[in-house]
C-alpha atoms as a PDB file:
ATOM      1  CA  UNK A   1     117.491 102.013  97.098  1.00  0.00           C
ATOM      2  CA  UNK A   2     114.543 100.132  97.280  1.00  0.00           C
ATOM      3  CA  UNK A   3     114.395  97.334  94.711  1.00  0.00           C
ATOM      4  CA  UNK A   4     110.899  95.995  93.578  1.00  0.00           C
ATOM      5  CA  UNK A   5     111.768  93.216  91.926  1.00  0.00           C
ATOM      6  CA  UNK A   6     113.252  91.623  94.947  1.00  0.00           C
ATOM      7  CA  UNK A   7     111.706  93.345  98.220  1.00  0.00           C
ATOM      8  CA  UNK A   8     109.245  91.251  99.034  1.00  0.00           C
ATOM      9  CA  UNK A   9     105.971  90.751 101.452  1.00  0.00           C
ATOM     10  CA  UNK A  10     104.488  87.540 102.760  1.00  0.00           C
ATOM     11  CA  UNK A  11     100.795  87.901 101.147  1.00  0.00           C
ATOM     12  CA  UNK A  12      98.090  85.468 101.852  1.00  0.00           C
ATOM     13  CA  UNK A  13      96.100  86.232  99.080  1.00  0.00           C
ATOM     14  CA  UNK A  14      95.193  88.654  96.696  1.00  0.00           C
ATOM     15  CA  UNK A  15      91.594  88.945  94.829  1.00  0.00           C
ATOM     16  CA  UNK A  16      88.871  91.224  93.350  1.00  0.00           C
ATOM     17  CA  UNK A  17      85.748  91.743  95.318  1.00  0.00           C
ATOM     18  CA  UNK A  18      82.980  94.223  96.327  1.00  0.00           C
ATOM     19  CA  UNK A  19      84.473  96.334  99.482  1.00  0.00           C
ATOM     20  CA  UNK A  20      81.916  95.169 102.249  1.00  0.00           C
ATOM     21  CA  UNK A  21      82.895  97.323 104.793  1.00  0.00           C
ATOM     22  CA  UNK A  22      83.735 100.805 105.607  1.00  0.00           C
ATOM     23  CA  UNK A  23      82.653 104.163 104.241  1.00  0.00           C
ATOM     24  CA  UNK A  24      83.035 102.836 100.775  1.00  0.00           C
ATOM     25  CA  UNK A  25      81.098  99.729 101.083  1.00  0.00           C
ATOM     26  CA  UNK A  26      80.091  98.572  97.477  1.00  0.00           C
ATOM     27  CA  UNK A  27      82.567  99.718  95.081  1.00  0.00           C
ATOM     28  CA  UNK A  28      84.875  97.079  93.295  1.00  0.00           C
ATOM     29  CA  UNK A  29      88.371  96.613  94.971  1.00  0.00           C
ATOM     30  CA  UNK A  30      91.573  94.925  94.550  1.00  0.00           C
ATOM     31  CA  UNK A  31      92.313  93.845  97.812  1.00  0.00           C
ATOM     32  CA  UNK A  32      95.957  92.632  99.197  1.00  0.00           C
ATOM     33  CA  UNK A  33      95.785  90.424 102.660  1.00  0.00           C
ATOM     34  CA  UNK A  34      99.447  90.214 103.508  1.00  0.00           C
ATOM     35  CA  UNK A  35      99.935  87.208 106.508  1.00  0.00           C
ATOM     36  CA  UNK A  36     100.770  87.648 110.197  1.00  0.00           C
ATOM     37  CA  UNK A  37      99.273  89.172 113.162  1.00  0.00           C
ATOM     38  CA  UNK A  38      99.918  90.562 116.388  1.00  0.00           C
ATOM     39  CA  UNK A  39      96.470  90.273 117.687  1.00  0.00           C
ATOM     40  CA  UNK A  40      93.898  86.849 118.441  1.00  0.00           C
ATOM     41  CA  UNK A  41      90.651  88.887 118.750  1.00  0.00           C
ATOM     42  CA  UNK A  42      87.760  86.234 119.496  1.00  0.00           C
ATOM     43  CA  UNK A  43      85.719  86.914 116.499  1.00  0.00           C
ATOM     44  CA  UNK A  44      88.473  87.005 113.845  1.00  0.00           C
ATOM     45  CA  UNK A  45      87.393  85.676 110.650  1.00  0.00           C
ATOM     46  CA  UNK A  46      90.686  85.485 109.021  1.00  0.00           C
ATOM     47  CA  UNK A  47      92.653  83.213 111.040  1.00  0.00           C
ATOM     48  CA  UNK A  48      94.106  81.565 108.266  1.00  0.00           C
ATOM     49  CA  UNK A  49      96.144  84.716 107.513  1.00  0.00           C
ATOM     50  CA  UNK A  50      98.047  84.147 110.182  1.00  0.00           C
ATOM     51  CA  UNK A  51     100.922  81.939 109.210  1.00  0.00           C
ATOM     52  CA  UNK A  52      99.700  81.025 105.535  1.00  0.00           C
ATOM     53  CA  UNK A  53     101.765  82.922 102.846  1.00  0.00           C
ATOM     54  CA  UNK A  54     103.778  83.349  99.672  1.00  0.00           C
ATOM     55  CA  UNK A  55     106.597  85.753  98.869  1.00  0.00           C
ATOM     56  CA  UNK A  56     105.500  88.098  96.605  1.00  0.00           C
ATOM     57  CA  UNK A  57     107.538  91.025  95.010  1.00  0.00           C
ATOM     58  CA  UNK A  58     106.593  94.361  95.070  1.00  0.00           C
ATOM     59  CA  UNK A  59     106.736  94.643  91.527  1.00  0.00           C
ATOM     60  CA  UNK A  60     104.430  91.602  91.106  1.00  0.00           C
ATOM     61  CA  UNK A  61     102.186  93.365  93.900  1.00  0.00           C
ATOM     62  CA  UNK A  62     101.901  96.186  91.482  1.00  0.00           C
ATOM     63  CA  UNK A  63     101.433  94.070  88.215  1.00  0.00           C
ATOM     64  CA  UNK A  64      98.642  92.251  89.749  1.00  0.00           C
ATOM     65  CA  UNK A  65      96.782  95.736  91.170  1.00  0.00           C
ATOM     66  CA  UNK A  66      97.337  97.156  87.317  1.00  0.00           C
ATOM     67  CA  UNK A  67      95.631  93.864  86.181  1.00  0.00           C
ATOM     68  CA  UNK A  68      92.975  93.875  87.667  1.00  0.00           C
ATOM     69  CA  UNK A  69      91.762  96.950  85.979  1.00  0.00           C
ATOM     70  CA  UNK A  70      90.335  98.901  89.271  1.00  0.00           C
ATOM     71  CA  UNK A  71      91.693 101.751  90.993  1.00  0.00           C
ATOM     72  CA  UNK A  72      91.046 101.353  94.811  1.00  0.00           C
ATOM     73  CA  UNK A  73      93.398  99.182  96.507  1.00  0.00           C
ATOM     74  CA  UNK A  74      93.070  97.791  99.989  1.00  0.00           C
ATOM     75  CA  UNK A  75      96.125  96.280 102.117  1.00  0.00           C
ATOM     76  CA  UNK A  76      94.634  94.374 105.268  1.00  0.00           C
ATOM     77  CA  UNK A  77      95.557  91.547 107.060  1.00  0.00           C
ATOM     78  CA  UNK A  78      96.794  89.968 109.399  1.00  0.00           C
ATOM     79  CA  UNK A  79      97.980  93.055 110.447  1.00  0.00           C
ATOM     80  CA  UNK A  80      99.873  94.508 107.586  1.00  0.00           C
ATOM     81  CA  UNK A  81     102.041  97.235 109.457  1.00  0.00           C
ATOM     82  CA  UNK A  82     104.082  94.090 110.880  1.00  0.00           C
ATOM     83  CA  UNK A  83     105.685  93.975 107.494  1.00  0.00           C
ATOM     84  CA  UNK A  84     108.128  97.094 107.226  1.00  0.00           C
ATOM     85  CA  UNK A  85     107.806  97.052 102.936  1.00  0.00           C
ATOM     86  CA  UNK A  86     104.018  97.522 103.744  1.00  0.00           C
ATOM     87  CA  UNK A  87     105.049 101.250 103.541  1.00  0.00           C
ATOM     88  CA  UNK A  88     106.631 100.765 100.397  1.00  0.00           C
ATOM     89  CA  UNK A  89     104.106  99.103  98.868  1.00  0.00           C
ATOM     90  CA  UNK A  90     101.633 101.957  99.742  1.00  0.00           C
ATOM     91  CA  UNK A  91     103.692 104.608  98.192  1.00  0.00           C
ATOM     92  CA  UNK A  92     104.543 102.378  94.954  1.00  0.00           C
ATOM     93  CA  UNK A  93     100.763 101.904  94.749  1.00  0.00           C
ATOM     94  CA  UNK A  94     100.096 105.889  94.849  1.00  0.00           C
ATOM     95  CA  UNK A  95     102.964 106.883  92.522  1.00  0.00           C
ATOM     96  CA  UNK A  96     100.991 104.858  90.451  1.00  0.00           C
ATOM     97  CA  UNK A  97      97.715 106.335  90.789  1.00  0.00           C
ATOM     98  CA  UNK A  98      96.029 103.959  92.682  1.00  0.00           C
ATOM     99  CA  UNK A  99      93.679 105.061  95.583  1.00  0.00           C
ATOM    100  CA  UNK A 100      95.209 102.985  98.202  1.00  0.00           C
ATOM    101  CA  UNK A 101      93.720 101.859 101.529  1.00  0.00           C
ATOM    102  CA  UNK A 102      94.884 100.300 104.763  1.00  0.00           C
ATOM    103  CA  UNK A 103      92.819  98.152 107.269  1.00  0.00           C
ATOM    104  CA  UNK A 104      95.248  97.952 110.808  1.00  0.00           C
ATOM    105  CA  UNK A 105      94.235  96.999 114.065  1.00  0.00           C
ATOM    106  CA  UNK A 106      95.206  99.988 115.851  1.00  0.00           C
ATOM    107  CA  UNK A 107      97.801  98.691 117.915  1.00  0.00           C
ATOM    108  CA  UNK A 108     100.822  99.744 115.808  1.00  0.00           C
ATOM    109  CA  UNK A 109     101.969 103.470 115.313  1.00  0.00           C
ATOM    110  CA  UNK A 110     100.434 104.819 111.905  1.00  0.00           C
ATOM    111  CA  UNK A 111     102.694 107.990 112.127  1.00  0.00           C
ATOM    112  CA  UNK A 112     104.595 106.954 108.770  1.00  0.00           C
ATOM    113  CA  UNK A 113     101.737 106.020 106.648  1.00  0.00           C
ATOM    114  CA  UNK A 114     101.490 108.008 103.254  1.00  0.00           C
ATOM    115  CA  UNK A 115      99.328 111.100 103.936  1.00  0.00           C
ATOM    116  CA  UNK A 116      97.470 109.921 100.828  1.00  0.00           C
ATOM    117  CA  UNK A 117      96.154 106.180 102.256  1.00  0.00           C
ATOM    118  CA  UNK A 118      92.943 106.165 103.633  1.00  0.00           C
ATOM    119  CA  UNK A 119      92.618 104.562 106.964  1.00  0.00           C
ATOM    120  CA  UNK A 120      90.479 102.213 108.435  1.00  0.00           C
ATOM    121  CA  UNK A 121      91.605 102.078 112.106  1.00  0.00           C
ATOM    122  CA  UNK A 122      90.087  99.191 114.338  1.00  0.00           C
ATOM    123  CA  UNK A 123      89.231 100.200 118.116  1.00  0.00           C
ATOM    124  CA  UNK A 124      89.266  96.858 119.690  1.00  0.00           C
ATOM    125  CA  UNK A 125      86.398  96.026 122.544  1.00  0.00           C
ATOM    126  CA  UNK A 126      86.268  94.077 125.435  1.00  0.00           C
ATOM    127  CA  UNK A 127      84.728  91.404 123.321  1.00  0.00           C
ATOM    128  CA  UNK A 128      87.324  91.067 120.897  1.00  0.00           C
ATOM    129  CA  UNK A 129      89.525  90.018 124.186  1.00  0.00           C
ATOM    130  CA  UNK A 130      92.395  92.278 123.067  1.00  0.00           C
ATOM    131  CA  UNK A 131      90.642  95.470 124.464  1.00  0.00           C
ATOM    132  CA  UNK A 132      93.807  97.883 125.644  1.00  0.00           C
ATOM    133  CA  UNK A 133      95.730  96.928 122.567  1.00  0.00           C
ATOM    134  CA  UNK A 134      94.724 100.480 120.507  1.00  0.00           C
ATOM    135  CA  UNK A 135      97.234 103.446 120.700  1.00  0.00           C
ATOM    136  CA  UNK A 136      95.818 106.419 121.515  1.00  0.00           C
ATOM    137  CA  UNK A 137      98.522 108.784 119.932  1.00  0.00           C
ATOM    138  CA  UNK A 138      97.216 107.191 116.288  1.00  0.00           C
ATOM    139  CA  UNK A 139      94.262 109.388 116.426  1.00  0.00           C
ATOM    140  CA  UNK A 140      96.842 112.408 115.569  1.00  0.00           C
ATOM    141  CA  UNK A 141      97.178 110.923 112.304  1.00  0.00           C
ATOM    142  CA  UNK A 142      93.809 110.284 111.490  1.00  0.00           C
ATOM    143  CA  UNK A 143      90.697 112.957 109.386  1.00  0.00           C
ATOM    144  CA  UNK A 144      87.977 113.067 107.799  1.00  0.00           C
ATOM    145  CA  UNK A 145      88.525 110.684 105.279  1.00  0.00           C
ATOM    146  CA  UNK A 146      89.622 107.994 107.476  1.00  0.00           C
ATOM    147  CA  UNK A 147      87.408 105.681 109.670  1.00  0.00           C
ATOM    148  CA  UNK A 148      87.833 104.103 113.128  1.00  0.00           C
ATOM    149  CA  UNK A 149      85.941 100.722 113.464  1.00  0.00           C
ATOM    150  CA  UNK A 150      84.539  99.198 116.584  1.00  0.00           C
ATOM    151  CA  UNK A 151      83.078  95.355 116.466  1.00  0.00           C
ATOM    152  CA  UNK A 152      80.364  95.136 118.543  1.00  0.00           C
ATOM    153  CA  UNK A 153      79.390  91.978 119.934  1.00  0.00           C
ATOM    154  CA  UNK A 154      77.402  92.672 122.753  1.00  0.00           C
ATOM    155  CA  UNK A 155      75.610  95.872 124.894  1.00  0.00           C
ATOM    156  CA  UNK A 156      79.044  96.052 127.022  1.00  0.00           C
ATOM    157  CA  UNK A 157      80.808  96.912 123.690  1.00  0.00           C
ATOM    158  CA  UNK A 158      78.418  99.271 122.422  1.00  0.00           C
ATOM    159  CA  UNK A 159      78.473 101.331 125.561  1.00  0.00           C
ATOM    160  CA  UNK A 160      82.523 100.818 125.853  1.00  0.00           C
ATOM    161  CA  UNK A 161      82.351 102.052 122.308  1.00  0.00           C
ATOM    162  CA  UNK A 162      79.884 104.941 122.851  1.00  0.00           C
ATOM    163  CA  UNK A 163      81.897 106.186 125.440  1.00  0.00           C
ATOM    164  CA  UNK A 164      85.085 106.463 123.653  1.00  0.00           C
ATOM    165  CA  UNK A 165      83.155 108.172 120.897  1.00  0.00           C
ATOM    166  CA  UNK A 166      82.069 110.999 123.170  1.00  0.00           C
ATOM    167  CA  UNK A 167      85.433 111.083 125.178  1.00  0.00           C
ATOM    168  CA  UNK A 168      87.709 111.498 122.452  1.00  0.00           C
ATOM    169  CA  UNK A 169      85.086 113.496 120.069  1.00  0.00           C
ATOM    170  CA  UNK A 170      85.558 111.256 117.315  1.00  0.00           C
ATOM    171  CA  UNK A 171      82.620 112.541 115.178  1.00  0.00           C
ATOM    172  CA  UNK A 172      84.723 116.028 115.029  1.00  0.00           C
ATOM    173  CA  UNK A 173      87.717 114.823 112.722  1.00  0.00           C
ATOM    174  CA  UNK A 174      87.139 111.392 111.489  1.00  0.00           C
ATOM    175  CA  UNK A 175      84.224 108.522 110.294  1.00  0.00           C
ATOM    176  CA  UNK A 176      83.073 106.231 112.910  1.00  0.00           C
ATOM    177  CA  UNK A 177      81.747 102.588 112.243  1.00  0.00           C
ATOM    178  CA  UNK A 178      79.946  99.951 114.381  1.00  0.00           C
ATOM    179  CA  UNK A 179      80.155  96.909 113.043  1.00  0.00           C
ATOM    180  CA  UNK A 180      78.396  94.195 114.494  1.00  0.00           C
ATOM    181  CA  UNK A 181      79.826  90.939 115.320  1.00  0.00           C
ATOM    182  CA  UNK A 182      77.331  88.346 114.145  1.00  0.00           C
ATOM    183  CA  UNK A 183      76.268  85.499 115.259  1.00  0.00           C
ATOM    184  CA  UNK A 184      77.426  86.833 118.494  1.00  0.00           C
ATOM    185  CA  UNK A 185      74.890  89.973 117.984  1.00  0.00           C
ATOM    186  CA  UNK A 186      71.671  90.549 116.402  1.00  0.00           C
ATOM    187  CA  UNK A 187      72.128  93.229 113.441  1.00  0.00           C
ATOM    188  CA  UNK A 188      68.807  94.704 114.521  1.00  0.00           C
ATOM    189  CA  UNK A 189      69.567  95.123 118.302  1.00  0.00           C
ATOM    190  CA  UNK A 190      72.950  97.158 117.645  1.00  0.00           C
ATOM    191  CA  UNK A 191      70.625  99.417 115.006  1.00  0.00           C
ATOM    192  CA  UNK A 192      68.176 100.015 117.786  1.00  0.00           C
ATOM    193  CA  UNK A 193      70.804 101.101 120.396  1.00  0.00           C
ATOM    194  CA  UNK A 194      72.030 103.567 117.738  1.00  0.00           C
ATOM    195  CA  UNK A 195      68.855 104.971 117.482  1.00  0.00           C
ATOM    196  CA  UNK A 196      67.873 105.297 120.674  1.00  0.00           C
ATOM    197  CA  UNK A 197      70.797 107.151 121.155  1.00  0.00           C
ATOM    198  CA  UNK A 198      70.949 108.876 118.196  1.00  0.00           C
ATOM    199  CA  UNK A 199      74.483 108.474 118.030  1.00  0.00           C
ATOM    200  CA  UNK A 200      75.412 109.848 114.797  1.00  0.00           C
ATOM    201  CA  UNK A 201      78.009 106.360 113.639  1.00  0.00           C
ATOM    202  CA  UNK A 202      77.329 104.693 110.617  1.00  0.00           C
ATOM    203  CA  UNK A 203      75.830 101.061 110.966  1.00  0.00           C
ATOM    204  CA  UNK A 204      77.608  98.363 109.301  1.00  0.00           C
ATOM    205  CA  UNK A 205      76.918  94.602 108.268  1.00  0.00           C
ATOM    206  CA  UNK A 206      79.845  92.970 106.341  1.00  0.00           C
ATOM    207  CA  UNK A 207      78.090  93.000 102.760  1.00  0.00           C
ATOM    208  CA  UNK A 208      80.978  90.737 101.343  1.00  0.00           C
ATOM    209  CA  UNK A 209      79.087  88.012 103.512  1.00  0.00           C
ATOM    210  CA  UNK A 210      75.629  88.920 102.978  1.00  0.00           C
ATOM    211  CA  UNK A 211      76.674  88.290  99.038  1.00  0.00           C
ATOM    212  CA  UNK A 212      78.960  85.213  99.591  1.00  0.00           C
ATOM    213  CA  UNK A 213      79.164  83.756 103.071  1.00  0.00           C
ATOM    214  CA  UNK A 214      81.558  83.504 105.302  1.00  0.00           C
ATOM    215  CA  UNK A 215      84.305  82.512 103.194  1.00  0.00           C
ATOM    216  CA  UNK A 216      87.871  83.612 101.812  1.00  0.00           C
ATOM    217  CA  UNK A 217      88.686  85.236  98.963  1.00  0.00           C
ATOM    218  CA  UNK A 218      85.670  87.556  98.852  1.00  0.00           C
END
């Protein structure tokens, strides 16, 4: 039986902030950033999470979330699913009536993620230098509460992402986000491409960076 007092995760940081991305942008969230990642994206803004961590028990993480006074909890990284007890953390939070979100890079099987969890799954574009890492079978485990995110660095990334939206009919079963990779691409360029094509995807800026700049813990 799982002992939440002794079972630990490698945690880079925990903090409270406004959710800056995704369909629930703007809400206060409690964030748990787990350490370690199996990818090395060209635009990564959390390189500090690769190896910087402390071991925290599941019990301690649960208490930190409770102390935050917030309903919404996002587990992010790094890549959270590299740590097997991440699944146990999600189950624990759900059993305590948290609204749980998972941000994952799309390269790891999500079939065991609890159905209650809202999944935000990246599909890596050519500009990330990690093209080909996405597991297509993960599409089977997404629904309309979940989200697929494409980070767009240039027109080639946009065309790549548009093709996948149409080829896999993504909009028929999940939400799709096109996130602009600043400073590689100007936000207005991406917005205009979406409008020209009348593509029914959600344009996204990273709100937390607009508010606080490019720094950790927000």
